[in-house]
């Protein structure tokens, strides 16, 4: 199972959207405090719609608490400061992919300890970053693609009609 980690997320709508992505992909969500919102705020539930109740989520008091409770975790750091693209690494099925807060990303003090597993989403020009929930979706689906979408229903069906095979 893939693990998505948000380090000090600030915007409840982003976290709600990410929670919905985690439910849809069978991923666990890990939230590292401080959070910029209360976990029961209506905005986070609205963004996650009715999926929030199905979310596998764990909250940690800080990054040290997260590391202590996940010893030996293979952690990829998604950051605009990375030298490698998110497509240049091989994600393990049970790895952790960490994203930083919207206003500042992952602290550089943490990044230095994970130099070899820092990844970035390429962008043109002087674009600083993408929306956090979009970034999580992009990297999550690449990790799942590399692992052949384990446990996924890969065939869609029409609601009223049938596909001609």
N, C-alpha and C. Protein backbone atom coordinates (compact mmCIF):
# COMPACT_ATOMS: atom_id res chain seq x y z
N UNK A 1 0.84 -1.18 0.00
CA UNK A 1 0.00 0.00 0.00
C UNK A 1 0.89 1.24 0.00
N UNK A 2 0.56 2.15 -0.86
CA UNK A 2 1.29 3.41 -0.96
C UNK A 2 0.92 4.33 0.21
N UNK A 3 1.88 5.12 0.65
CA UNK A 3 1.69 6.04 1.77
C UNK A 3 1.96 7.47 1.32
N UNK A 4 0.99 8.35 1.52
CA UNK A 4 1.14 9.76 1.19
C UNK A 4 1.30 10.53 2.50
N UNK A 5 2.33 11.35 2.58
CA UNK A 5 2.65 12.08 3.80
C UNK A 5 2.56 13.58 3.50
N UNK A 6 1.81 14.30 4.32
CA UNK A 6 1.75 15.76 4.20
C UNK A 6 2.41 16.36 5.43
N UNK A 7 3.47 17.13 5.18
CA UNK A 7 4.21 17.78 6.25
C UNK A 7 3.62 19.16 6.49
N UNK A 8 2.90 19.32 7.58
CA UNK A 8 2.32 20.59 8.00
C UNK A 8 1.42 21.25 6.94
N UNK A 9 0.44 20.51 6.42
CA UNK A 9 -0.44 21.11 5.41
C UNK A 9 -1.21 22.28 6.01
N UNK A 10 -1.50 23.27 5.16
CA UNK A 10 -2.12 24.51 5.64
C UNK A 10 -3.55 24.72 5.15
N UNK A 11 -3.90 24.18 4.00
CA UNK A 11 -5.18 24.49 3.38
C UNK A 11 -6.09 23.27 3.44
N UNK A 12 -7.23 23.40 4.15
CA UNK A 12 -8.09 22.24 4.34
C UNK A 12 -8.61 21.65 3.03
N UNK A 13 -8.91 22.49 2.05
CA UNK A 13 -9.41 21.97 0.77
C UNK A 13 -8.42 21.07 0.08
N UNK A 14 -7.15 21.44 0.12
CA UNK A 14 -6.13 20.59 -0.49
C UNK A 14 -6.06 19.24 0.22
N UNK A 15 -6.06 19.27 1.55
CA UNK A 15 -5.97 18.03 2.30
C UNK A 15 -7.20 17.16 2.07
N UNK A 16 -8.36 17.77 1.97
CA UNK A 16 -9.57 17.02 1.65
C UNK A 16 -9.49 16.35 0.30
N UNK A 17 -9.02 17.10 -0.71
CA UNK A 17 -8.85 16.52 -2.05
C UNK A 17 -7.85 15.38 -2.03
N UNK A 18 -6.76 15.56 -1.30
CA UNK A 18 -5.73 14.53 -1.20
C UNK A 18 -6.30 13.30 -0.49
N UNK A 19 -7.11 13.52 0.53
CA UNK A 19 -7.77 12.40 1.20
C UNK A 19 -8.63 11.61 0.23
N UNK A 20 -9.36 12.30 -0.62
CA UNK A 20 -10.19 11.62 -1.62
C UNK A 20 -9.32 10.84 -2.60
N UNK A 21 -8.21 11.41 -3.01
CA UNK A 21 -7.28 10.69 -3.89
C UNK A 21 -6.75 9.44 -3.20
N UNK A 22 -6.45 9.55 -1.91
CA UNK A 22 -5.95 8.39 -1.17
C UNK A 22 -6.99 7.28 -1.10
N UNK A 23 -8.25 7.63 -0.86
CA UNK A 23 -9.31 6.63 -0.83
C UNK A 23 -9.43 5.96 -2.20
N UNK A 24 -9.41 6.76 -3.26
CA UNK A 24 -9.57 6.23 -4.62
C UNK A 24 -8.40 5.35 -5.06
N UNK A 25 -7.25 5.54 -4.45
CA UNK A 25 -6.06 4.78 -4.84
C UNK A 25 -5.66 3.73 -3.81
N UNK A 26 -6.43 3.62 -2.74
CA UNK A 26 -6.09 2.66 -1.69
C UNK A 26 -4.83 3.02 -0.94
N UNK A 27 -4.51 4.29 -0.88
CA UNK A 27 -3.30 4.77 -0.21
C UNK A 27 -3.62 5.23 1.21
N UNK A 28 -2.63 5.17 2.08
CA UNK A 28 -2.76 5.72 3.43
C UNK A 28 -2.34 7.18 3.42
N UNK A 29 -2.97 7.99 4.25
CA UNK A 29 -2.60 9.39 4.40
C UNK A 29 -1.99 9.60 5.78
N UNK A 30 -0.84 10.25 5.82
CA UNK A 30 -0.14 10.57 7.06
C UNK A 30 -0.04 12.09 7.13
N UNK A 31 -0.53 12.67 8.22
CA UNK A 31 -0.50 14.12 8.40
C UNK A 31 0.44 14.45 9.55
N UNK A 32 1.41 15.33 9.27
CA UNK A 32 2.37 15.75 10.29
C UNK A 32 2.01 17.15 10.75
N UNK A 33 1.78 17.29 12.05
CA UNK A 33 1.42 18.58 12.64
C UNK A 33 2.62 19.52 12.75
N UNK A 34 2.33 20.82 12.86
CA UNK A 34 1.01 21.42 13.03
C UNK A 34 0.25 21.50 11.71
N UNK A 35 -1.06 21.34 11.81
CA UNK A 35 -1.94 21.49 10.66
C UNK A 35 -2.48 22.92 10.65
N UNK A 36 -2.75 23.44 9.48
CA UNK A 36 -3.28 24.79 9.37
C UNK A 36 -4.79 24.85 9.52
N UNK A 37 -5.40 23.81 10.05
CA UNK A 37 -6.84 23.70 10.16
C UNK A 37 -7.17 22.62 11.18
N UNK A 38 -8.42 22.56 11.58
CA UNK A 38 -8.89 21.47 12.43
C UNK A 38 -9.32 20.32 11.53
N UNK A 39 -9.04 19.11 11.94
CA UNK A 39 -9.34 17.95 11.11
C UNK A 39 -10.84 17.76 10.89
N UNK A 40 -11.68 18.35 11.72
CA UNK A 40 -13.12 18.19 11.55
C UNK A 40 -13.78 19.37 10.84
N UNK A 41 -12.98 20.28 10.31
CA UNK A 41 -13.56 21.43 9.63
C UNK A 41 -14.41 20.99 8.44
N UNK A 42 -15.49 21.70 8.22
CA UNK A 42 -16.38 21.32 7.14
C UNK A 42 -15.71 21.43 5.76
N UNK A 43 -14.73 22.35 5.60
CA UNK A 43 -14.06 22.50 4.30
C UNK A 43 -13.30 21.24 3.92
N UNK A 44 -12.63 20.63 4.89
CA UNK A 44 -11.86 19.42 4.58
C UNK A 44 -12.80 18.28 4.22
N UNK A 45 -13.91 18.19 4.92
CA UNK A 45 -14.88 17.15 4.61
C UNK A 45 -15.57 17.43 3.28
N UNK A 46 -15.83 18.70 2.99
CA UNK A 46 -16.46 19.05 1.72
C UNK A 46 -15.55 18.67 0.56
N UNK A 47 -14.27 18.96 0.67
CA UNK A 47 -13.33 18.63 -0.40
C UNK A 47 -13.18 17.13 -0.56
N UNK A 48 -13.24 16.40 0.54
CA UNK A 48 -13.14 14.95 0.49
C UNK A 48 -14.47 14.28 0.23
N UNK A 49 -15.51 15.10 0.17
CA UNK A 49 -16.89 14.65 -0.02
C UNK A 49 -17.22 13.53 0.96
N UNK A 50 -17.93 12.54 0.53
CA UNK A 50 -18.33 11.48 1.45
C UNK A 50 -17.25 10.41 1.61
N UNK A 51 -16.07 10.65 1.07
CA UNK A 51 -15.00 9.68 1.14
C UNK A 51 -14.19 9.78 2.44
N UNK A 52 -14.26 10.89 3.15
CA UNK A 52 -13.39 11.12 4.31
C UNK A 52 -13.56 10.02 5.37
N UNK A 53 -14.76 9.51 5.53
CA UNK A 53 -15.00 8.45 6.51
C UNK A 53 -14.28 7.16 6.15
N UNK A 54 -13.94 6.97 4.89
CA UNK A 54 -13.27 5.76 4.43
C UNK A 54 -11.75 5.89 4.39
N UNK A 55 -11.25 7.05 4.77
CA UNK A 55 -9.82 7.34 4.67
C UNK A 55 -9.03 6.69 5.80
N UNK A 56 -7.92 6.06 5.44
CA UNK A 56 -6.96 5.52 6.41
C UNK A 56 -5.97 6.65 6.68
N UNK A 57 -6.13 7.35 7.81
CA UNK A 57 -5.32 8.53 8.10
C UNK A 57 -4.71 8.43 9.50
N UNK A 58 -3.45 8.83 9.60
CA UNK A 58 -2.74 8.88 10.87
C UNK A 58 -2.15 10.27 11.03
N UNK A 59 -2.22 10.80 12.25
CA UNK A 59 -1.70 12.14 12.53
C UNK A 59 -0.52 12.02 13.49
N UNK A 60 0.54 12.78 13.22
CA UNK A 60 1.76 12.76 14.02
C UNK A 60 2.02 14.15 14.57
N UNK A 61 2.64 14.22 15.75
CA UNK A 61 2.87 15.53 16.37
C UNK A 61 4.00 16.32 15.69
N UNK A 62 4.94 15.62 15.04
CA UNK A 62 6.02 16.28 14.29
C UNK A 62 6.74 15.23 13.45
N UNK A 63 7.74 15.65 12.69
CA UNK A 63 8.45 14.74 11.80
C UNK A 63 9.20 13.65 12.58
N UNK A 64 9.72 13.99 13.74
CA UNK A 64 10.41 12.99 14.57
C UNK A 64 9.44 11.90 15.02
N UNK A 65 8.24 12.28 15.38
CA UNK A 65 7.21 11.32 15.76
C UNK A 65 6.87 10.42 14.57
N UNK A 66 6.74 11.00 13.39
CA UNK A 66 6.48 10.23 12.17
C UNK A 66 7.58 9.20 11.93
N UNK A 67 8.84 9.62 12.01
CA UNK A 67 9.96 8.69 11.79
C UNK A 67 9.98 7.59 12.83
N UNK A 68 9.72 7.94 14.09
CA UNK A 68 9.74 6.95 15.17
C UNK A 68 8.65 5.88 14.98
N UNK A 69 7.51 6.29 14.45
CA UNK A 69 6.40 5.35 14.27
C UNK A 69 6.42 4.62 12.94
N UNK A 70 7.37 4.99 12.07
CA UNK A 70 7.52 4.34 10.76
C UNK A 70 8.99 4.01 10.51
N UNK A 71 9.60 3.24 11.40
CA UNK A 71 11.04 2.96 11.27
C UNK A 71 11.35 2.21 9.98
N UNK A 72 12.43 2.62 9.34
CA UNK A 72 12.86 1.97 8.11
C UNK A 72 12.04 2.31 6.88
N UNK A 73 11.14 3.28 6.99
CA UNK A 73 10.30 3.64 5.85
C UNK A 73 11.15 4.22 4.73
N UNK A 74 10.89 3.80 3.51
CA UNK A 74 11.52 4.38 2.32
C UNK A 74 10.71 5.62 1.96
N UNK A 75 11.31 6.80 2.15
CA UNK A 75 10.58 8.06 1.97
C UNK A 75 11.13 8.83 0.78
N UNK A 76 10.26 9.14 -0.15
CA UNK A 76 10.59 10.03 -1.27
C UNK A 76 10.07 11.41 -0.90
N UNK A 77 10.88 12.42 -1.14
CA UNK A 77 10.52 13.80 -0.82
C UNK A 77 10.17 14.55 -2.10
N UNK A 78 8.93 14.92 -2.25
CA UNK A 78 8.50 15.68 -3.42
C UNK A 78 8.75 17.16 -3.15
N UNK A 79 9.66 17.74 -3.92
CA UNK A 79 10.06 19.12 -3.70
C UNK A 79 10.47 19.78 -5.01
N UNK A 80 10.20 21.07 -5.13
CA UNK A 80 10.62 21.81 -6.32
C UNK A 80 12.14 21.98 -6.35
N UNK A 81 12.81 21.64 -5.26
CA UNK A 81 14.27 21.82 -5.17
C UNK A 81 15.06 20.59 -5.60
N UNK A 82 14.38 19.50 -5.93
CA UNK A 82 15.05 18.24 -6.26
C UNK A 82 15.77 18.32 -7.60
N UNK A 83 16.75 17.46 -7.76
CA UNK A 83 17.52 17.38 -9.00
C UNK A 83 16.97 16.31 -9.95
N UNK A 84 16.15 15.38 -9.44
CA UNK A 84 15.59 14.30 -10.26
C UNK A 84 14.09 14.52 -10.46
N UNK A 85 13.62 14.08 -11.61
CA UNK A 85 12.20 14.08 -11.89
C UNK A 85 11.53 12.94 -11.13
N UNK A 86 10.26 13.09 -10.84
CA UNK A 86 9.51 12.04 -10.16
C UNK A 86 9.41 10.76 -10.98
N UNK A 87 9.69 10.83 -12.28
CA UNK A 87 9.64 9.64 -13.13
C UNK A 87 10.99 8.91 -13.19
N UNK A 88 12.01 9.45 -12.58
CA UNK A 88 13.35 8.86 -12.64
C UNK A 88 13.66 7.90 -11.50
N UNK A 89 12.71 7.63 -10.64
CA UNK A 89 12.93 6.71 -9.53
C UNK A 89 11.96 5.54 -9.65
N UNK A 90 12.27 4.45 -8.97
CA UNK A 90 11.40 3.28 -8.93
C UNK A 90 10.75 3.21 -7.55
N UNK A 91 9.46 3.48 -7.51
CA UNK A 91 8.72 3.51 -6.25
C UNK A 91 8.36 2.09 -5.81
N UNK A 92 8.68 1.77 -4.58
CA UNK A 92 8.28 0.50 -4.01
C UNK A 92 6.79 0.56 -3.69
N UNK A 93 6.13 -0.58 -3.69
CA UNK A 93 4.68 -0.62 -3.47
C UNK A 93 4.27 -0.04 -2.12
N UNK A 94 5.13 -0.16 -1.12
CA UNK A 94 4.79 0.32 0.23
C UNK A 94 5.61 1.54 0.65
N UNK A 95 6.10 2.28 -0.31
CA UNK A 95 6.93 3.45 0.02
C UNK A 95 6.08 4.61 0.54
N UNK A 96 6.76 5.63 1.01
CA UNK A 96 6.15 6.86 1.51
C UNK A 96 6.57 8.00 0.59
N UNK A 97 5.62 8.83 0.21
CA UNK A 97 5.94 10.00 -0.61
C UNK A 97 5.47 11.22 0.18
N UNK A 98 6.42 12.07 0.55
CA UNK A 98 6.13 13.21 1.41
C UNK A 98 6.07 14.50 0.60
N UNK A 99 5.10 15.34 0.94
CA UNK A 99 4.89 16.64 0.33
C UNK A 99 4.88 17.68 1.45
N UNK A 100 5.40 18.86 1.16
CA UNK A 100 5.47 19.91 2.18
C UNK A 100 4.27 20.82 2.16
N UNK A 101 4.26 21.73 3.12
CA UNK A 101 3.15 22.68 3.22
C UNK A 101 3.12 23.61 2.02
N UNK A 102 1.94 24.12 1.76
CA UNK A 102 1.71 24.93 0.56
C UNK A 102 2.60 26.16 0.48
N UNK A 103 2.88 26.83 1.57
CA UNK A 103 3.61 28.09 1.52
C UNK A 103 5.12 27.94 1.47
N UNK A 104 5.66 26.78 1.87
CA UNK A 104 7.12 26.68 1.97
C UNK A 104 7.70 25.33 1.58
N UNK A 105 6.88 24.33 1.36
CA UNK A 105 7.39 23.00 1.02
C UNK A 105 7.97 22.29 2.24
N UNK A 106 8.80 21.30 1.99
CA UNK A 106 9.46 20.53 3.04
C UNK A 106 10.69 21.32 3.49
N UNK A 107 10.91 21.46 4.79
CA UNK A 107 12.09 22.20 5.25
C UNK A 107 13.39 21.63 4.68
N UNK A 108 14.29 22.52 4.30
CA UNK A 108 15.55 22.09 3.69
C UNK A 108 16.38 21.23 4.63
N UNK A 109 16.23 21.42 5.95
CA UNK A 109 16.95 20.59 6.91
C UNK A 109 16.55 19.12 6.78
N UNK A 110 15.30 18.88 6.46
CA UNK A 110 14.83 17.50 6.23
C UNK A 110 15.31 17.01 4.88
N UNK A 111 15.20 17.85 3.86
CA UNK A 111 15.60 17.45 2.51
C UNK A 111 17.05 16.97 2.45
N UNK A 112 17.94 17.64 3.17
CA UNK A 112 19.35 17.26 3.14
C UNK A 112 19.57 15.82 3.58
N UNK A 113 18.75 15.32 4.48
CA UNK A 113 18.88 13.94 4.95
C UNK A 113 18.31 12.93 3.96
N UNK A 114 17.60 13.40 2.93
CA UNK A 114 16.96 12.53 1.95
C UNK A 114 17.36 12.91 0.52
N UNK A 115 18.57 13.38 0.37
CA UNK A 115 19.06 13.89 -0.90
C UNK A 115 18.82 12.93 -2.07
N UNK A 116 19.04 11.65 -1.83
CA UNK A 116 18.93 10.66 -2.91
C UNK A 116 17.50 10.29 -3.27
N UNK A 117 16.54 10.67 -2.45
CA UNK A 117 15.15 10.33 -2.74
C UNK A 117 14.27 11.57 -2.92
N UNK A 118 14.88 12.71 -3.19
CA UNK A 118 14.12 13.92 -3.52
C UNK A 118 13.73 13.88 -4.99
N UNK A 119 12.47 14.18 -5.27
CA UNK A 119 11.97 14.18 -6.65
C UNK A 119 11.17 15.46 -6.89
N UNK A 120 11.10 15.83 -8.15
CA UNK A 120 10.35 17.03 -8.52
C UNK A 120 9.49 16.77 -9.74
N UNK A 121 8.46 17.59 -9.89
CA UNK A 121 7.62 17.57 -11.08
C UNK A 121 8.15 18.67 -11.99
N UNK A 122 8.62 18.33 -13.19
CA UNK A 122 9.16 19.37 -14.09
C UNK A 122 8.09 20.38 -14.50
N UNK A 123 8.50 21.63 -14.60
CA UNK A 123 7.61 22.71 -15.02
C UNK A 123 8.39 23.65 -15.95
N UNK A 124 7.69 24.33 -16.82
CA UNK A 124 8.35 25.25 -17.74
C UNK A 124 8.54 26.62 -17.10
N UNK A 125 9.54 27.33 -17.61
CA UNK A 125 9.76 28.71 -17.21
C UNK A 125 10.02 28.90 -15.73
N UNK A 126 9.49 29.98 -15.21
CA UNK A 126 9.71 30.35 -13.82
C UNK A 126 8.56 29.93 -12.91
N UNK A 127 7.76 28.97 -13.34
CA UNK A 127 6.67 28.49 -12.52
C UNK A 127 7.23 27.95 -11.21
N UNK A 128 6.72 28.43 -10.09
CA UNK A 128 7.26 28.02 -8.78
C UNK A 128 6.80 26.63 -8.38
N UNK A 129 5.50 26.37 -8.52
CA UNK A 129 5.00 25.08 -8.08
C UNK A 129 3.58 24.87 -8.58
N UNK A 130 3.11 23.65 -8.44
CA UNK A 130 1.73 23.30 -8.74
C UNK A 130 0.93 23.28 -7.44
N UNK A 131 -0.37 23.24 -7.55
CA UNK A 131 -1.22 23.08 -6.38
C UNK A 131 -0.87 21.76 -5.70
N UNK A 132 -0.88 21.74 -4.38
CA UNK A 132 -0.48 20.57 -3.61
C UNK A 132 -1.29 19.33 -3.97
N UNK A 133 -2.61 19.46 -4.06
CA UNK A 133 -3.41 18.27 -4.35
C UNK A 133 -3.14 17.75 -5.76
N UNK A 134 -2.86 18.64 -6.71
CA UNK A 134 -2.49 18.20 -8.06
C UNK A 134 -1.15 17.47 -8.04
N UNK A 135 -0.20 18.00 -7.29
CA UNK A 135 1.12 17.37 -7.20
C UNK A 135 1.02 15.97 -6.61
N UNK A 136 0.23 15.84 -5.56
CA UNK A 136 0.06 14.52 -4.94
C UNK A 136 -0.53 13.54 -5.95
N UNK A 137 -1.54 13.96 -6.69
CA UNK A 137 -2.18 13.07 -7.66
C UNK A 137 -1.19 12.64 -8.75
N UNK A 138 -0.40 13.58 -9.24
CA UNK A 138 0.55 13.26 -10.31
C UNK A 138 1.55 12.20 -9.85
N UNK A 139 2.18 12.42 -8.72
CA UNK A 139 3.22 11.51 -8.25
C UNK A 139 2.61 10.19 -7.78
N UNK A 140 1.46 10.24 -7.13
CA UNK A 140 0.80 9.02 -6.67
C UNK A 140 0.49 8.10 -7.84
N UNK A 141 -0.08 8.62 -8.88
CA UNK A 141 -0.44 7.78 -10.03
C UNK A 141 0.80 7.26 -10.77
N UNK A 142 1.88 7.99 -10.75
CA UNK A 142 3.12 7.45 -11.34
C UNK A 142 3.63 6.27 -10.52
N UNK A 143 3.61 6.40 -9.19
CA UNK A 143 4.06 5.30 -8.34
C UNK A 143 3.16 4.08 -8.53
N UNK A 144 1.86 4.30 -8.62
CA UNK A 144 0.94 3.18 -8.82
C UNK A 144 1.11 2.57 -10.21
N UNK A 145 1.33 3.39 -11.22
CA UNK A 145 1.57 2.88 -12.58
C UNK A 145 2.78 1.97 -12.60
N UNK A 146 3.85 2.41 -11.93
CA UNK A 146 5.07 1.60 -11.91
C UNK A 146 4.85 0.25 -11.25
N UNK A 147 3.87 0.18 -10.34
CA UNK A 147 3.56 -1.07 -9.65
C UNK A 147 2.35 -1.78 -10.25
N UNK A 148 2.02 -1.43 -11.49
CA UNK A 148 0.93 -2.05 -12.25
C UNK A 148 -0.43 -1.92 -11.58
N UNK A 149 -0.67 -0.82 -10.92
CA UNK A 149 -1.96 -0.53 -10.30
C UNK A 149 -2.49 -1.72 -9.49
N UNK A 150 -1.80 -2.08 -8.42
CA UNK A 150 -2.18 -3.27 -7.65
C UNK A 150 -3.59 -3.18 -7.06
N UNK A 151 -4.41 -4.16 -7.37
CA UNK A 151 -5.77 -4.22 -6.84
C UNK A 151 -6.77 -3.30 -7.51
N UNK A 152 -6.38 -2.64 -8.59
CA UNK A 152 -7.26 -1.68 -9.26
C UNK A 152 -8.17 -2.36 -10.28
N UNK A 153 -9.36 -1.82 -10.44
CA UNK A 153 -10.23 -2.20 -11.54
C UNK A 153 -9.77 -1.38 -12.73
N UNK A 154 -9.20 -2.03 -13.72
CA UNK A 154 -8.63 -1.30 -14.86
C UNK A 154 -9.58 -1.16 -16.04
N UNK A 155 -10.77 -1.74 -15.95
CA UNK A 155 -11.72 -1.64 -17.06
C UNK A 155 -12.94 -0.85 -16.62
N UNK A 156 -13.22 0.20 -17.33
CA UNK A 156 -14.40 1.00 -17.05
C UNK A 156 -15.61 0.48 -17.81
N UNK A 157 -16.77 0.78 -17.30
CA UNK A 157 -18.01 0.37 -17.94
C UNK A 157 -18.92 1.58 -18.11
N UNK A 158 -19.66 1.58 -19.18
CA UNK A 158 -20.67 2.61 -19.39
C UNK A 158 -21.82 2.37 -18.42
N UNK A 159 -22.56 3.40 -18.10
CA UNK A 159 -23.69 3.24 -17.16
C UNK A 159 -24.94 2.68 -17.82
N UNK A 160 -25.30 3.21 -18.97
CA UNK A 160 -26.54 2.79 -19.61
C UNK A 160 -26.31 1.87 -20.79
N UNK A 161 -25.20 2.01 -21.48
CA UNK A 161 -24.93 1.24 -22.70
C UNK A 161 -23.76 0.30 -22.45
N UNK A 162 -23.38 -0.43 -23.49
CA UNK A 162 -22.24 -1.34 -23.37
C UNK A 162 -21.22 -1.02 -24.46
N UNK A 163 -19.95 -1.22 -24.12
CA UNK A 163 -18.88 -1.06 -25.10
C UNK A 163 -18.96 -2.19 -26.12
N UNK A 164 -18.68 -1.86 -27.38
CA UNK A 164 -18.57 -2.92 -28.40
C UNK A 164 -17.17 -3.50 -28.30
N UNK A 165 -17.06 -4.78 -27.97
CA UNK A 165 -15.73 -5.40 -27.82
C UNK A 165 -15.19 -5.91 -29.11
